[in-house]
Amino acid sequence: MRLARFRIGDSQPRFGRVDGDAIVDLTEEFGPSLRAVLPTLRERGAEIRAAHGPRHPLTDVTLLAPIDDPQKYLGIGMNYAQHAEEARAAGIPIPTSQLWFNKQVSCLNDPFGDIVKPAVSDELDYEIELGVVIGVRAKDVAVEDARSVIAGYVVANDVSVRDWLQKLSPTFTLGKSFDTHGPIGPWLTTDDEIEDPLALRMTLSVNGEVRQDADTSDMIHDIYAQIAYLSQVMTLMPGDILATGTPSGIGAPTRNFLKAGDVVRAEIEGLGVIENTVVA
């Protein structure tokens, strides 16, 4: 299933199931929050799949971030081999273990919302990532059980402000957490829809020029190892988002940074497209 949050005109956010080129409004039966549905998603999946409600063409609605209220939004750094090498070229040491950082949840943005280029930096960068959404409370998860705690997947752009990331703060958090710098979507594709999340092509283009083109199989630490690693430390909660790493092609090594007016399109096979315009 493809599950979404959306708005019609100036209405309050609503919850629905995407069917083809329309969305079925399920708010009256299930409420407006996608995150609230996640803990029972596997048990109630057939019910949600069969539920009826008003249908709206996708062209008539505004898609919102599928999860707008996670407890945690975590990202892993340098998790694709070629990206790690380009990071080394930019002067960033390659970690010897999984390197995690926070993106503050206030950075979350809609799949087609504008990305604001901050006035305090000219080093605005893009990073396409497979976003994993946790479905159930999870602690000390074994690698072989990790898939069972995944609700589904989103396309994510881990927008980064490079000078704040590498120079102006001793941690990644500030450079990863500017408002609007966490567009995700366009909807949550449930785990049962994806045969193998470690075999998905991902591409990112800026103004139609392809900058990143890779496959999720190139991860150094796959998503199951990531969940096992994190859950040794903290309890993962329904709705938590994991940005699982970006491939090579980011702007930093060539200083080909984003500027106002650029259109950034990120697509992952089977999950859909998000597209965001950079504004001053």
C-alpha atoms as a PDB file:
ATOM      1  CA  MET A   1       0.000   0.000   0.000  1.00  0.00           C
ATOM      2  CA  ARG A   2       0.876   3.607  -0.420  1.00  0.00           C
ATOM      3  CA  LEU A   3      -0.310   5.611   2.578  1.00  0.00           C
ATOM      4  CA  ALA A   4      -0.278   9.379   2.609  1.00  0.00           C
ATOM      5  CA  ARG A   5      -1.106  12.526   4.492  1.00  0.00           C
ATOM      6  CA  PHE A   6      -2.680  15.249   2.408  1.00  0.00           C
ATOM      7  CA  ARG A   7      -4.632  18.462   2.425  1.00  0.00           C
ATOM      8  CA  ILE A   8      -7.492  19.634   0.240  1.00  0.00           C
ATOM      9  CA  GLY A   9      -7.257  23.382  -0.174  1.00  0.00           C
ATOM     10  CA  ASP A  10      -6.863  24.887   3.291  1.00  0.00           C
ATOM     11  CA  SER A  11      -8.317  21.876   5.122  1.00  0.00           C
ATOM     12  CA  GLN A  12      -6.708  20.204   8.103  1.00  0.00           C
ATOM     13  CA  PRO A  13      -4.332  17.331   7.249  1.00  0.00           C
ATOM     14  CA  ARG A  14      -6.042  14.093   6.271  1.00  0.00           C
ATOM     15  CA  PHE A  15      -5.015  10.446   5.920  1.00  0.00           C
ATOM     16  CA  GLY A  16      -5.562   8.260   2.888  1.00  0.00           C
ATOM     17  CA  ARG A  17      -4.549   5.380   0.647  1.00  0.00           C
ATOM     18  CA  VAL A  18      -3.150   6.137  -2.790  1.00  0.00           C
ATOM     19  CA  ASP A  19      -4.877   4.135  -5.532  1.00  0.00           C
ATOM     20  CA  GLY A  20      -3.502   4.823  -8.997  1.00  0.00           C
ATOM     21  CA  ASP A  21      -3.885   8.518  -9.705  1.00  0.00           C
ATOM     22  CA  ALA A  22      -6.311   9.123  -6.832  1.00  0.00           C
ATOM     23  CA  ILE A  23      -6.267   9.117  -3.062  1.00  0.00           C
ATOM     24  CA  VAL A  24      -8.972   7.451  -0.971  1.00  0.00           C
ATOM     25  CA  ASP A  25      -9.764   9.549   2.094  1.00  0.00           C
ATOM     26  CA  LEU A  26      -9.760   7.270   5.159  1.00  0.00           C
ATOM     27  CA  THR A  27      -9.713   9.999   7.790  1.00  0.00           C
ATOM     28  CA  GLU A  28     -13.200   9.319   9.126  1.00  0.00           C
ATOM     29  CA  GLU A  29     -12.395   5.669   9.867  1.00  0.00           C
ATOM     30  CA  PHE A  30      -8.739   5.822  10.885  1.00  0.00           C
ATOM     31  CA  GLY A  31      -8.135   9.428  11.917  1.00  0.00           C
ATOM     32  CA  PRO A  32      -5.740  11.985  10.379  1.00  0.00           C
ATOM     33  CA  SER A  33      -2.428  10.612  11.688  1.00  0.00           C
ATOM     34  CA  LEU A  34      -0.427   8.077   9.690  1.00  0.00           C
ATOM     35  CA  ARG A  35       1.936   7.554  12.609  1.00  0.00           C
ATOM     36  CA  ALA A  36      -0.979   6.484  14.822  1.00  0.00           C
ATOM     37  CA  VAL A  37      -1.820   3.680  12.380  1.00  0.00           C
ATOM     38  CA  LEU A  38       1.691   2.181  12.332  1.00  0.00           C
ATOM     39  CA  PRO A  39       1.698  -0.010  15.490  1.00  0.00           C
ATOM     40  CA  THR A  40      -1.209  -2.086  14.145  1.00  0.00           C
ATOM     41  CA  LEU A  41      -0.394  -1.732  10.446  1.00  0.00           C
ATOM     42  CA  ARG A  42       0.586  -5.365   9.902  1.00  0.00           C
ATOM     43  CA  GLU A  43      -2.564  -6.640  11.665  1.00  0.00           C
ATOM     44  CA  ARG A  44      -4.943  -4.126  10.052  1.00  0.00           C
ATOM     45  CA  GLY A  45      -3.314  -3.944   6.642  1.00  0.00           C
ATOM     46  CA  ALA A  46      -6.067  -5.871   4.881  1.00  0.00           C
ATOM     47  CA  GLU A  47      -8.696  -3.656   6.537  1.00  0.00           C
ATOM     48  CA  ILE A  48      -6.943  -0.473   5.415  1.00  0.00           C
ATOM     49  CA  ARG A  49      -6.422  -1.882   1.923  1.00  0.00           C
ATOM     50  CA  ALA A  50     -10.147  -2.645   1.568  1.00  0.00           C
ATOM     51  CA  ALA A  51     -11.525   0.484   3.261  1.00  0.00           C
ATOM     52  CA  HIS A  52     -13.685   2.881   1.275  1.00  0.00           C
ATOM     53  CA  GLY A  53     -13.925   6.629   1.411  1.00  0.00           C
ATOM     54  CA  PRO A  54     -14.194   9.701  -0.809  1.00  0.00           C
ATOM     55  CA  ARG A  55     -11.786   9.625  -3.768  1.00  0.00           C
ATOM     56  CA  HIS A  56      -9.789  12.685  -4.796  1.00  0.00           C
ATOM     57  CA  PRO A  57      -7.537  12.996  -7.848  1.00  0.00           C
ATOM     58  CA  LEU A  58      -3.930  13.433  -6.749  1.00  0.00           C
ATOM     59  CA  THR A  59      -3.836  16.581  -8.842  1.00  0.00           C
ATOM     60  CA  ASP A  60      -6.471  18.098  -6.516  1.00  0.00           C
ATOM     61  CA  VAL A  61      -4.628  17.549  -3.235  1.00  0.00           C
ATOM     62  CA  THR A  62      -1.423  18.723  -1.613  1.00  0.00           C
ATOM     63  CA  LEU A  63       0.682  15.810  -0.405  1.00  0.00           C
ATOM     64  CA  LEU A  64       2.236  16.342   3.025  1.00  0.00           C
ATOM     65  CA  ALA A  65       5.163  14.674   4.760  1.00  0.00           C
ATOM     66  CA  PRO A  66       3.826  11.158   5.450  1.00  0.00           C
ATOM     67  CA  ILE A  67       5.229  11.297   8.983  1.00  0.00           C
ATOM     68  CA  ASP A  68       5.358  14.817  10.382  1.00  0.00           C
ATOM     69  CA  ASP A  69       5.688  13.987  14.073  1.00  0.00           C
ATOM     70  CA  PRO A  70       8.329  11.285  14.635  1.00  0.00           C
ATOM     71  CA  GLN A  71      10.063  11.080  17.968  1.00  0.00           C
ATOM     72  CA  LYS A  72      13.374  10.694  16.140  1.00  0.00           C
ATOM     73  CA  TYR A  73      14.858  11.417  12.722  1.00  0.00           C
ATOM     74  CA  LEU A  74      18.294   9.798  12.513  1.00  0.00           C
ATOM     75  CA  GLY A  75      20.778   9.700   9.660  1.00  0.00           C
ATOM     76  CA  ILE A  76      23.862   7.615   8.992  1.00  0.00           C
ATOM     77  CA  GLY A  77      26.906   9.237   7.452  1.00  0.00           C
ATOM     78  CA  MET A  78      29.166   7.946   4.676  1.00  0.00           C
ATOM     79  CA  ASN A  79      27.349   4.644   4.226  1.00  0.00           C
ATOM     80  CA  TYR A  80      28.071   4.163   0.504  1.00  0.00           C
ATOM     81  CA  ALA A  81      31.634   3.272  -0.438  1.00  0.00           C
ATOM     82  CA  GLN A  82      32.037   5.788  -3.285  1.00  0.00           C
ATOM     83  CA  HIS A  83      30.438   8.541  -1.214  1.00  0.00           C
ATOM     84  CA  ALA A  84      32.852   7.789   1.622  1.00  0.00           C
ATOM     85  CA  GLU A  85      35.731   8.273  -0.792  1.00  0.00           C
ATOM     86  CA  GLU A  86      34.385  11.605  -2.042  1.00  0.00           C
ATOM     87  CA  ALA A  87      33.905  12.671   1.579  1.00  0.00           C
ATOM     88  CA  ARG A  88      37.550  11.797   2.222  1.00  0.00           C
ATOM     89  CA  ALA A  89      38.477  14.001  -0.737  1.00  0.00           C
ATOM     90  CA  ALA A  90      36.525  16.827   0.900  1.00  0.00           C
ATOM     91  CA  GLY A  91      38.585  16.406   4.075  1.00  0.00           C
ATOM     92  CA  ILE A  92      36.120  14.327   6.111  1.00  0.00           C
ATOM     93  CA  PRO A  93      37.600  11.255   7.847  1.00  0.00           C
ATOM     94  CA  ILE A  94      35.960   7.930   6.949  1.00  0.00           C
ATOM     95  CA  PRO A  95      34.440   6.332  10.063  1.00  0.00           C
ATOM     96  CA  THR A  96      35.407   2.825  11.149  1.00  0.00           C
ATOM     97  CA  SER A  97      31.911   2.082  12.513  1.00  0.00           C
ATOM     98  CA  GLN A  98      28.374   3.270  11.865  1.00  0.00           C
ATOM     99  CA  LEU A  99      28.280   7.076  12.181  1.00  0.00           C
ATOM    100  CA  TRP A 100      24.866   8.372  13.271  1.00  0.00           C
ATOM    101  CA  PHE A 101      23.570  11.910  13.742  1.00  0.00           C
ATOM    102  CA  ASN A 102      20.293  13.641  14.525  1.00  0.00           C
ATOM    103  CA  LYS A 103      18.209  15.616  12.109  1.00  0.00           C
ATOM    104  CA  GLN A 104      15.937  17.644  14.337  1.00  0.00           C
ATOM    105  CA  VAL A 105      12.325  16.779  13.499  1.00  0.00           C
ATOM    106  CA  SER A 106      11.516  20.455  12.890  1.00  0.00           C
ATOM    107  CA  CYS A 107      13.429  20.123   9.588  1.00  0.00           C
ATOM    108  CA  LEU A 108      10.747  17.860   8.085  1.00  0.00           C
ATOM    109  CA  ASN A 109       9.257  19.116   4.850  1.00  0.00           C
ATOM    110  CA  ASP A 110       6.575  18.033   2.407  1.00  0.00           C
ATOM    111  CA  PRO A 111       7.500  16.017  -0.700  1.00  0.00           C
ATOM    112  CA  PHE A 112       6.940  19.018  -2.969  1.00  0.00           C
ATOM    113  CA  GLY A 113       7.601  21.807  -0.468  1.00  0.00           C
ATOM    114  CA  ASP A 114      10.201  24.515  -1.038  1.00  0.00           C
ATOM    115  CA  ILE A 115      13.700  24.087   0.384  1.00  0.00           C
ATOM    116  CA  VAL A 116      14.852  27.356   1.939  1.00  0.00           C
ATOM    117  CA  LYS A 117      18.466  28.308   1.231  1.00  0.00           C
ATOM    118  CA  PRO A 118      19.613  29.917   4.482  1.00  0.00           C
ATOM    119  CA  ALA A 119      21.024  33.424   4.356  1.00  0.00           C
ATOM    120  CA  VAL A 120      23.903  32.308   6.589  1.00  0.00           C
ATOM    121  CA  SER A 121      25.435  29.891   4.049  1.00  0.00           C
ATOM    122  CA  ASP A 122      26.192  29.385   0.365  1.00  0.00           C
ATOM    123  CA  GLU A 123      27.022  25.694   0.824  1.00  0.00           C
ATOM    124  CA  LEU A 124      23.579  24.087   0.457  1.00  0.00           C
ATOM    125  CA  ASP A 125      23.852  20.457  -0.627  1.00  0.00           C
ATOM    126  CA  TYR A 126      21.554  17.545  -1.534  1.00  0.00           C
ATOM    127  CA  GLU A 127      21.638  13.862  -0.537  1.00  0.00           C
ATOM    128  CA  ILE A 128      19.109  11.343  -1.854  1.00  0.00           C
ATOM    129  CA  GLU A 129      18.474   8.604   0.709  1.00  0.00           C
ATOM    130  CA  LEU A 130      16.221   5.614   1.289  1.00  0.00           C
ATOM    131  CA  GLY A 131      14.132   6.532   4.318  1.00  0.00           C
ATOM    132  CA  VAL A 132      13.091   3.665   6.589  1.00  0.00           C
ATOM    133  CA  VAL A 133      10.071   4.219   8.855  1.00  0.00           C
ATOM    134  CA  ILE A 134       9.871   2.117  12.020  1.00  0.00           C
ATOM    135  CA  GLY A 135       6.489   0.490  12.637  1.00  0.00           C
ATOM    136  CA  VAL A 136       6.639  -0.915  16.174  1.00  0.00           C
ATOM    137  CA  ARG A 137       8.474  -0.314  19.427  1.00  0.00           C
ATOM    138  CA  ALA A 138      11.847  -2.015  18.963  1.00  0.00           C
ATOM    139  CA  LYS A 139      14.790  -2.613  21.323  1.00  0.00           C
ATOM    140  CA  ASP A 140      17.755  -4.986  20.959  1.00  0.00           C
ATOM    141  CA  VAL A 141      16.602  -6.222  17.565  1.00  0.00           C
ATOM    142  CA  ALA A 142      18.627  -9.006  15.954  1.00  0.00           C
ATOM    143  CA  VAL A 143      19.766  -8.426  12.371  1.00  0.00           C
ATOM    144  CA  GLU A 144      17.656 -11.359  11.156  1.00  0.00           C
ATOM    145  CA  ASP A 145      14.543  -9.873  12.800  1.00  0.00           C
ATOM    146  CA  ALA A 146      15.072  -6.275  11.744  1.00  0.00           C
ATOM    147  CA  ARG A 147      12.760  -6.303   8.748  1.00  0.00           C
ATOM    148  CA  SER A 148       9.827  -7.194  10.998  1.00  0.00           C
ATOM    149  CA  VAL A 149       9.988  -3.780  12.705  1.00  0.00           C
ATOM    150  CA  ILE A 150       9.887  -1.780   9.445  1.00  0.00           C
ATOM    151  CA  ALA A 151       6.555  -0.200   8.527  1.00  0.00           C
ATOM    152  CA  GLY A 152       7.684   1.029   5.137  1.00  0.00           C
ATOM    153  CA  TYR A 153       9.828   3.361   3.100  1.00  0.00           C
ATOM    154  CA  VAL A 154       9.958   6.941   1.849  1.00  0.00           C
ATOM    155  CA  VAL A 155      12.149   8.901  -0.512  1.00  0.00           C
ATOM    156  CA  ALA A 156      14.265  11.312   1.538  1.00  0.00           C
ATOM    157  CA  ASN A 157      16.533  14.213   0.683  1.00  0.00           C
ATOM    158  CA  ASP A 158      18.962  14.751   3.559  1.00  0.00           C
ATOM    159  CA  VAL A 159      19.571  18.403   2.710  1.00  0.00           C
ATOM    160  CA  SER A 160      22.823  19.575   4.291  1.00  0.00           C
ATOM    161  CA  VAL A 161      24.452  22.940   4.956  1.00  0.00           C
ATOM    162  CA  ARG A 162      28.093  21.975   4.520  1.00  0.00           C
ATOM    163  CA  ASP A 163      29.901  24.755   6.362  1.00  0.00           C
ATOM    164  CA  TRP A 164      27.637  24.362   9.397  1.00  0.00           C
ATOM    165  CA  LEU A 165      28.065  20.607   9.085  1.00  0.00           C
ATOM    166  CA  GLN A 166      31.838  20.446   8.878  1.00  0.00           C
ATOM    167  CA  LYS A 167      33.157  23.804  10.125  1.00  0.00           C
ATOM    168  CA  LEU A 168      30.820  25.815  12.341  1.00  0.00           C
ATOM    169  CA  SER A 169      29.601  23.084  14.700  1.00  0.00           C
ATOM    170  CA  PRO A 170      31.451  20.186  16.379  1.00  0.00           C
ATOM    171  CA  THR A 171      28.602  17.781  15.530  1.00  0.00           C
ATOM    172  CA  PHE A 172      26.547  17.163  12.387  1.00  0.00           C
ATOM    173  CA  THR A 173      23.263  18.172  14.049  1.00  0.00           C
ATOM    174  CA  LEU A 174      23.125  21.871  13.164  1.00  0.00           C
ATOM    175  CA  GLY A 175      24.188  21.442   9.542  1.00  0.00           C
ATOM    176  CA  LYS A 176      21.559  18.742   9.077  1.00  0.00           C
ATOM    177  CA  SER A 177      18.647  20.443  10.817  1.00  0.00           C
ATOM    178  CA  PHE A 178      17.798  23.746   9.128  1.00  0.00           C
ATOM    179  CA  ASP A 179      14.063  24.232   8.681  1.00  0.00           C
ATOM    180  CA  THR A 180      12.674  22.662   5.458  1.00  0.00           C
ATOM    181  CA  HIS A 181      15.833  20.536   5.010  1.00  0.00           C
ATOM    182  CA  GLY A 182      14.074  17.209   5.499  1.00  0.00           C
ATOM    183  CA  PRO A 183      11.671  16.652   2.597  1.00  0.00           C
ATOM    184  CA  ILE A 184      10.262  13.103   2.607  1.00  0.00           C
ATOM    185  CA  GLY A 185       7.542  11.271   0.727  1.00  0.00           C
ATOM    186  CA  PRO A 186       5.697  11.308  -1.510  1.00  0.00           C
ATOM    187  CA  TRP A 187       3.913   8.713   0.655  1.00  0.00           C
ATOM    188  CA  LEU A 188       4.792   5.744   2.845  1.00  0.00           C
ATOM    189  CA  THR A 189       5.165   2.604   0.726  1.00  0.00           C
ATOM    190  CA  THR A 190       4.509  -0.309   3.076  1.00  0.00           C
ATOM    191  CA  ASP A 191       7.178  -2.958   3.478  1.00  0.00           C
ATOM    192  CA  ASP A 192       5.069  -5.730   1.918  1.00  0.00           C
ATOM    193  CA  GLU A 193       5.065  -3.830  -1.385  1.00  0.00           C
ATOM    194  CA  ILE A 194       8.861  -3.967  -1.771  1.00  0.00           C
ATOM    195  CA  GLU A 195      10.427  -7.325  -2.570  1.00  0.00           C
ATOM    196  CA  ASP A 196      13.966  -6.264  -1.667  1.00  0.00           C
ATOM    197  CA  PRO A 197      14.709  -2.791  -0.278  1.00  0.00           C
ATOM    198  CA  LEU A 198      18.412  -3.515  -0.813  1.00  0.00           C
ATOM    199  CA  ALA A 199      17.991  -3.626  -4.592  1.00  0.00           C
ATOM    200  CA  LEU A 200      16.404  -0.289  -5.457  1.00  0.00           C
ATOM    201  CA  ARG A 201      17.756   2.233  -7.941  1.00  0.00           C
ATOM    202  CA  MET A 202      17.926   5.794  -6.677  1.00  0.00           C
ATOM    203  CA  THR A 203      18.525   8.944  -8.724  1.00  0.00           C
ATOM    204  CA  LEU A 204      18.718  12.646  -7.953  1.00  0.00           C
ATOM    205  CA  SER A 205      18.762  15.436 -10.495  1.00  0.00           C
ATOM    206  CA  VAL A 206      19.148  19.201 -10.257  1.00  0.00           C
ATOM    207  CA  ASN A 207      17.392  21.151 -13.014  1.00  0.00           C
ATOM    208  CA  GLY A 208      17.182  17.917 -15.017  1.00  0.00           C
ATOM    209  CA  GLU A 209      20.899  17.082 -14.717  1.00  0.00           C
ATOM    210  CA  VAL A 210      21.464  13.730 -12.997  1.00  0.00           C
ATOM    211  CA  ARG A 211      23.854  14.176 -10.069  1.00  0.00           C
ATOM    212  CA  GLN A 212      23.361  10.905  -8.168  1.00  0.00           C
ATOM    213  CA  ASP A 213      22.575   7.491  -9.668  1.00  0.00           C
ATOM    214  CA  ALA A 214      23.147   4.378  -7.577  1.00  0.00           C
ATOM    215  CA  ASP A 215      21.582   1.280  -6.055  1.00  0.00           C
ATOM    216  CA  THR A 216      20.744   0.598  -2.414  1.00  0.00           C
ATOM    217  CA  SER A 217      22.777  -2.615  -2.650  1.00  0.00           C
ATOM    218  CA  ASP A 218      25.900  -0.444  -2.410  1.00  0.00           C
ATOM    219  CA  MET A 219      25.353   0.349   1.278  1.00  0.00           C
ATOM    220  CA  ILE A 220      28.278  -0.440   3.546  1.00  0.00           C
ATOM    221  CA  HIS A 221      25.942  -1.187   6.485  1.00  0.00           C
ATOM    222  CA  ASP A 222      22.557  -2.398   5.200  1.00  0.00           C
ATOM    223  CA  ILE A 223      19.277  -1.285   6.770  1.00  0.00           C
ATOM    224  CA  TYR A 224      18.985  -4.406   8.933  1.00  0.00           C
ATOM    225  CA  ALA A 225      22.454  -3.916  10.400  1.00  0.00           C
ATOM    226  CA  GLN A 226      21.530  -0.279  11.026  1.00  0.00           C
ATOM    227  CA  ILE A 227      18.400  -1.186  12.990  1.00  0.00           C
ATOM    228  CA  ALA A 228      20.264  -3.794  15.035  1.00  0.00           C
ATOM    229  CA  TYR A 229      23.057  -1.309  15.807  1.00  0.00           C
ATOM    230  CA  LEU A 230      20.777   1.557  16.834  1.00  0.00           C
ATOM    231  CA  SER A 231      18.412  -0.576  18.882  1.00  0.00           C
ATOM    232  CA  GLN A 232      21.282  -1.652  21.145  1.00  0.00           C
ATOM    233  CA  VAL A 233      21.379   1.970  22.294  1.00  0.00           C
ATOM    234  CA  MET A 234      17.847   3.302  22.138  1.00  0.00           C
ATOM    235  CA  THR A 235      14.284   2.139  21.777  1.00  0.00           C
ATOM    236  CA  LEU A 236      13.069   2.798  18.258  1.00  0.00           C
ATOM    237  CA  MET A 237       9.462   3.967  18.214  1.00  0.00           C
ATOM    238  CA  PRO A 238       6.655   3.831  15.644  1.00  0.00           C
ATOM    239  CA  GLY A 239       7.178   6.642  13.160  1.00  0.00           C
ATOM    240  CA  ASP A 240      10.903   7.072  13.768  1.00  0.00           C
ATOM    241  CA  ILE A 241      12.700   7.802  10.491  1.00  0.00           C
ATOM    242  CA  LEU A 242      16.109   6.464   9.529  1.00  0.00           C
ATOM    243  CA  ALA A 243      17.907   8.105   6.596  1.00  0.00           C
ATOM    244  CA  THR A 244      20.118   5.240   5.501  1.00  0.00           C
ATOM    245  CA  GLY A 245      22.930   6.964   3.618  1.00  0.00           C
ATOM    246  CA  THR A 246      23.560   8.726   0.325  1.00  0.00           C
ATOM    247  CA  PRO A 247      25.593   7.601  -2.688  1.00  0.00           C
ATOM    248  CA  SER A 248      28.313   9.584  -4.446  1.00  0.00           C
ATOM    249  CA  GLY A 249      27.540  12.676  -6.481  1.00  0.00           C
ATOM    250  CA  ILE A 250      26.909  15.250  -3.764  1.00  0.00           C
ATOM    251  CA  GLY A 251      27.866  18.839  -4.468  1.00  0.00           C
ATOM    252  CA  ALA A 252      30.592  19.280  -1.857  1.00  0.00           C
ATOM    253  CA  PRO A 253      33.633  17.776  -3.662  1.00  0.00           C
ATOM    254  CA  THR A 254      33.155  20.060  -6.690  1.00  0.00           C
ATOM    255  CA  ARG A 255      31.499  22.878  -4.702  1.00  0.00           C
ATOM    256  CA  ASN A 256      28.534  22.579  -7.029  1.00  0.00           C
ATOM    257  CA  PHE A 257      26.076  23.726  -4.392  1.00  0.00           C
ATOM    258  CA  LEU A 258      22.385  24.473  -4.703  1.00  0.00           C
ATOM    259  CA  LYS A 259      21.178  28.002  -5.367  1.00  0.00           C
ATOM    260  CA  ALA A 260      17.811  29.714  -5.336  1.00  0.00           C
ATOM    261  CA  GLY A 261      15.678  28.627  -8.280  1.00  0.00           C
ATOM    262  CA  ASP A 262      17.159  25.124  -8.535  1.00  0.00           C
ATOM    263  CA  VAL A 263      14.698  22.235  -8.767  1.00  0.00           C
ATOM    264  CA  VAL A 264      15.831  19.063  -7.004  1.00  0.00           C
ATOM    265  CA  ARG A 265      14.135  15.816  -8.013  1.00  0.00           C
ATOM    266  CA  ALA A 266      14.781  12.604  -6.054  1.00  0.00           C
ATOM    267  CA  GLU A 267      13.376   9.236  -7.135  1.00  0.00           C
ATOM    268  CA  ILE A 268      13.682   5.712  -5.741  1.00  0.00           C
ATOM    269  CA  GLU A 269      12.471   2.703  -7.680  1.00  0.00           C
ATOM    270  CA  GLY A 270       9.084   1.534  -6.389  1.00  0.00           C
ATOM    271  CA  LEU A 271       8.719   4.413  -3.921  1.00  0.00           C
ATOM    272  CA  GLY A 272       7.995   7.430  -6.107  1.00  0.00           C
ATOM    273  CA  VAL A 273       9.366  10.938  -6.545  1.00  0.00           C
ATOM    274  CA  ILE A 274       9.820  14.021  -4.426  1.00  0.00           C
ATOM    275  CA  GLU A 275      10.637  17.355  -6.050  1.00  0.00           C
ATOM    276  CA  ASN A 276      11.587  20.540  -4.265  1.00  0.00           C
ATOM    277  CA  THR A 277      12.413  24.051  -5.449  1.00  0.00           C
ATOM    278  CA  VAL A 278      15.157  25.971  -3.662  1.00  0.00           C
ATOM    279  CA  VAL A 279      14.107  29.443  -2.560  1.00  0.00           C
ATOM    280  CA  ALA A 280      16.074  32.243  -0.907  1.00  0.00           C
END
